[in-house]
Amino acid sequence: MKNTKTEFRFFSIPEWKKEEAYLRERHKDGWAFVKVDGLGLYHFQKCEPRDIVYQLDYNTDSTNQKDGYVQLFEDCGWEYLQNYMGYSYFRKAASEMDGTEEIFCDDASRLDMMKRVFNES
């Protein structure tokens, strides 16, 4: 059996929620997200099926302050995966969530992210 696979998918900038759901379902099916590259080539590695929450944060400035930006999320238990097309990819086990499945801790930060997405699209 193959331990890796690649799938082609296209998500527009405002479809980040669909992309998060897609990555979560793949993980539940036993395929952990490794990276996305090219124009929608998603790379996965075989794993134990688990409920893992994937979150994307659209912030084109994150690469300018990458260390502090990534550390902020890691301090809250999120694993940083990569930056791609303005999005930063994070994941965390659903069992470690504290009643919410959002990377944003408040409505103001969620609104800021949505503004960044829609100003770019």
Protein backbone atom coordinates (compact mmCIF):
# COMPACT_ATOMS: atom_id res chain seq x y z
CA MET A 1 0.00 0.00 0.00
CA LYS A 2 1.22 3.51 -0.83
CA ASN A 3 2.18 5.70 2.11
CA THR A 4 1.79 8.98 0.23
CA LYS A 5 -0.67 10.45 -2.21
CA THR A 6 -1.27 13.69 -4.07
CA GLU A 7 -4.67 15.14 -4.93
CA PHE A 8 -5.54 18.11 -7.10
CA ARG A 9 -8.02 20.56 -5.58
CA PHE A 10 -8.76 24.19 -6.20
CA PHE A 11 -10.06 26.53 -3.53
CA SER A 12 -10.44 30.24 -4.14
CA ILE A 13 -9.27 32.68 -1.48
CA PRO A 14 -12.71 33.06 0.19
CA GLU A 15 -13.23 29.26 0.30
CA TRP A 16 -10.88 28.69 3.24
CA LYS A 17 -13.62 26.99 5.28
CA LYS A 18 -14.14 24.40 2.53
CA GLU A 19 -10.40 23.81 2.41
CA GLU A 20 -10.23 23.33 6.19
CA ALA A 21 -13.09 20.81 6.02
CA TYR A 22 -11.39 18.97 3.13
CA LEU A 23 -8.13 18.60 5.10
CA ARG A 24 -9.98 17.47 8.23
CA GLU A 25 -11.89 14.80 6.32
CA ARG A 26 -8.70 13.49 4.71
CA HIS A 27 -7.15 13.13 8.16
CA LYS A 28 -10.23 11.30 9.45
CA ASP A 29 -9.76 8.95 6.46
CA GLY A 30 -6.13 8.30 7.48
CA TRP A 31 -4.32 10.84 5.30
CA ALA A 32 -2.38 13.60 7.10
CA PHE A 33 -1.83 16.80 5.16
CA VAL A 34 1.86 17.43 4.44
CA LYS A 35 1.80 20.43 2.11
CA VAL A 36 0.14 22.12 -0.82
CA ASP A 37 2.13 23.36 -3.79
CA GLY A 38 1.81 24.18 -7.45
CA LEU A 39 -1.72 25.16 -8.28
CA GLY A 40 -3.64 22.99 -5.88
CA LEU A 41 -1.53 19.86 -5.47
CA TYR A 42 -2.23 18.56 -1.96
CA HIS A 43 0.28 16.07 -0.57
CA PHE A 44 -0.73 13.58 2.11
CA GLN A 45 0.98 10.88 4.15
CA LYS A 46 -0.74 7.74 5.44
CA CYS A 47 -1.52 7.95 9.17
CA GLU A 48 -3.85 6.63 11.81
CA PRO A 49 -7.32 8.09 11.24
CA ARG A 50 -7.88 10.89 13.77
CA ASP A 51 -10.07 13.94 14.11
CA ILE A 52 -7.63 16.76 13.47
CA VAL A 53 -8.81 20.34 13.07
CA TYR A 54 -7.09 22.31 10.33
CA GLN A 55 -7.19 26.10 10.40
CA LEU A 56 -5.99 28.65 7.89
CA ASP A 57 -5.10 32.23 8.65
CA TYR A 58 -4.90 34.63 5.72
CA ASN A 59 -2.18 37.12 6.50
CA THR A 60 0.20 38.13 3.73
CA ASP A 61 2.34 39.99 6.31
CA SER A 62 2.97 36.83 8.34
CA THR A 63 6.17 36.02 6.41
CA ASN A 64 7.69 39.36 7.46
CA GLN A 65 7.31 38.45 11.16
CA LYS A 66 7.25 34.69 10.77
CA ASP A 67 9.00 33.61 13.98
CA GLY A 68 6.80 35.63 16.32
CA TYR A 69 3.67 34.91 14.28
CA VAL A 70 4.20 31.13 14.34
CA GLN A 71 5.19 31.19 18.02
CA LEU A 72 1.92 32.91 18.93
CA PHE A 73 -0.10 30.01 17.50
CA GLU A 74 2.25 27.32 18.78
CA ASP A 75 1.87 28.75 22.28
CA CYS A 76 -1.86 27.99 21.92
CA GLY A 77 -1.16 24.40 20.87
CA TRP A 78 -1.41 24.77 17.09
CA GLU A 79 1.13 22.99 14.88
CA TYR A 80 2.39 25.22 12.07
CA LEU A 81 2.58 23.48 8.68
CA GLN A 82 3.35 26.02 5.96
CA ASN A 83 2.57 29.29 4.20
CA TYR A 84 0.96 29.10 0.79
CA MET A 85 -0.64 31.84 -1.32
CA GLY A 86 -1.02 34.16 1.69
CA TYR A 87 -2.46 31.49 4.00
CA SER A 88 -0.72 29.97 7.00
CA TYR A 89 -1.75 26.37 7.71
CA PHE A 90 -2.14 25.07 11.25
CA ARG A 91 -3.56 21.92 12.84
CA LYS A 92 -4.55 20.65 16.26
CA ALA A 93 -6.23 17.49 17.55
CA ALA A 94 -9.96 18.00 18.07
CA SER A 95 -9.57 16.36 21.49
CA GLU A 96 -7.35 19.31 22.53
CA MET A 97 -9.90 21.94 21.59
CA ASP A 98 -11.55 23.84 24.42
CA GLY A 99 -15.09 23.88 23.06
CA THR A 100 -14.33 25.82 19.91
CA GLU A 101 -12.76 24.74 16.67
CA GLU A 102 -11.48 28.14 15.63
CA ILE A 103 -7.94 29.40 15.66
CA PHE A 104 -9.23 32.87 16.52
CA CYS A 105 -9.81 33.59 20.17
CA ASP A 106 -12.29 36.43 19.66
CA ASP A 107 -14.67 38.00 17.16
CA ALA A 108 -12.34 40.94 16.46
CA SER A 109 -9.47 38.74 15.25
CA ARG A 110 -11.89 36.63 13.18
CA LEU A 111 -13.26 39.80 11.57
CA ASP A 112 -9.74 41.06 10.83
CA MET A 113 -8.94 37.82 8.99
CA MET A 114 -12.16 38.03 6.96
CA LYS A 115 -11.33 41.61 5.99
CA ARG A 116 -7.87 40.52 4.79
CA VAL A 117 -9.41 37.71 2.70
CA PHE A 118 -12.03 39.86 1.02
CA ASN A 119 -9.67 42.76 0.38
CA GLU A 120 -7.42 40.38 -1.60
CA SER A 121 -10.10 38.50 -3.54
